[in-house]
Every structure is written in structure tokens, then in C-alpha cells.
Amino acid sequence: REVLVLIRPAILRKGNGDTYDPRLPDPLPRGAEVQVRHRRGGWVQVELPGGVVGWVPEENTAGE
């Protein structure tokens, strides 16, 4: 699976848009590695190492 690295902090959201609630209380830090599940409308659905799934803006990520 494709792995991305966050190039700036990002709020992990429950859906692919700023109107969705955060999945976690704190933003993901810069440098966090996430696995790609889906892409839609400038957002990437990612899975964290612990299994948590959510969405981050694609502009906050870079390929590894």
C-alpha cells in the first residue's frame, strides 16, 4: 500500500471535508506516516499504524 508522510500538521477528520468532525482530539504531527486507503476531492483517507482511519487534506501530504 502507498505510504504518505505529513508535511505539516493535519486534523484527521471523519469525512472528506472541513465540515466533518475530527476523528482524534489532536492534529496528526508533521512527519507522521500514514497508509493510503482512498482519495476523493483533494482529500486522502488514511490509516494510522494503530488502525484508526480518517481523512486529511491531500495538500498536507507527500509521497514517501
Protein backbone atom coordinates (compact mmCIF):
# COMPACT_ATOMS: atom_id res chain seq x y z
CA ARG A 1 0.00 0.00 0.00
CA GLU A 2 1.03 3.57 -0.66
CA VAL A 3 2.55 5.40 2.31
CA LEU A 4 2.41 9.17 2.72
CA VAL A 5 4.18 11.47 5.16
CA LEU A 6 2.51 14.58 6.55
CA ILE A 7 4.47 17.68 5.56
CA ARG A 8 2.52 19.81 8.07
CA PRO A 9 0.18 19.01 10.97
CA ALA A 10 -3.28 17.87 9.90
CA ILE A 11 -6.58 17.26 11.64
CA LEU A 12 -7.74 13.70 10.99
CA ARG A 13 -11.43 14.06 10.06
CA LYS A 14 -14.34 11.61 9.93
CA GLY A 15 -15.08 12.55 6.31
CA ASN A 16 -13.50 14.24 3.31
CA GLY A 17 -14.16 17.88 4.16
CA ASP A 18 -13.58 20.58 6.76
CA THR A 19 -17.21 20.30 7.90
CA TYR A 20 -16.66 16.78 9.28
CA ASP A 21 -15.77 16.36 12.95
CA PRO A 22 -12.22 15.46 13.97
CA ARG A 23 -11.57 11.73 14.44
CA LEU A 24 -8.92 12.42 17.14
CA PRO A 25 -8.65 15.25 19.72
CA ASP A 26 -5.22 16.43 18.49
CA PRO A 27 -3.86 17.06 14.97
CA LEU A 28 -1.51 14.49 13.47
CA PRO A 29 2.06 15.82 13.68
CA ARG A 30 4.32 16.76 10.80
CA GLY A 31 6.34 13.68 9.81
CA ALA A 32 3.61 11.16 10.68
CA GLU A 33 3.50 8.21 8.26
CA VAL A 34 0.06 7.05 7.10
CA GLN A 35 -1.19 4.41 4.67
CA VAL A 36 -3.49 5.48 1.85
CA ARG A 37 -6.91 3.81 1.58
CA HIS A 38 -8.80 6.15 -0.83
CA ARG A 39 -8.59 9.58 -2.48
CA ARG A 40 -11.56 11.86 -3.13
CA GLY A 41 -11.91 15.54 -3.93
CA GLY A 42 -8.50 16.70 -2.68
CA TRP A 43 -8.69 14.54 0.44
CA VAL A 44 -6.97 11.26 1.30
CA GLN A 45 -8.49 8.58 3.51
CA VAL A 46 -5.62 7.22 5.57
CA GLU A 47 -5.00 4.53 8.15
CA LEU A 48 -2.70 5.12 11.10
CA PRO A 49 -0.39 2.39 12.45
CA GLY A 50 -2.87 1.71 15.29
CA GLY A 51 -5.71 1.10 12.82
CA VAL A 52 -7.53 4.45 13.17
CA VAL A 53 -8.97 5.58 9.82
CA GLY A 54 -9.81 9.15 8.79
CA TRP A 55 -9.32 11.84 6.18
CA VAL A 56 -6.63 14.52 5.74
CA PRO A 57 -6.22 17.19 3.05
CA GLU A 58 -4.03 15.88 0.23
CA GLU A 59 -2.07 19.17 0.29
CA ASN A 60 -0.75 18.22 3.76
CA THR A 61 0.91 15.04 2.45
CA ALA A 62 3.89 13.96 0.37
CA GLY A 63 4.75 10.54 -1.07
CA GLU A 64 7.44 8.53 0.64
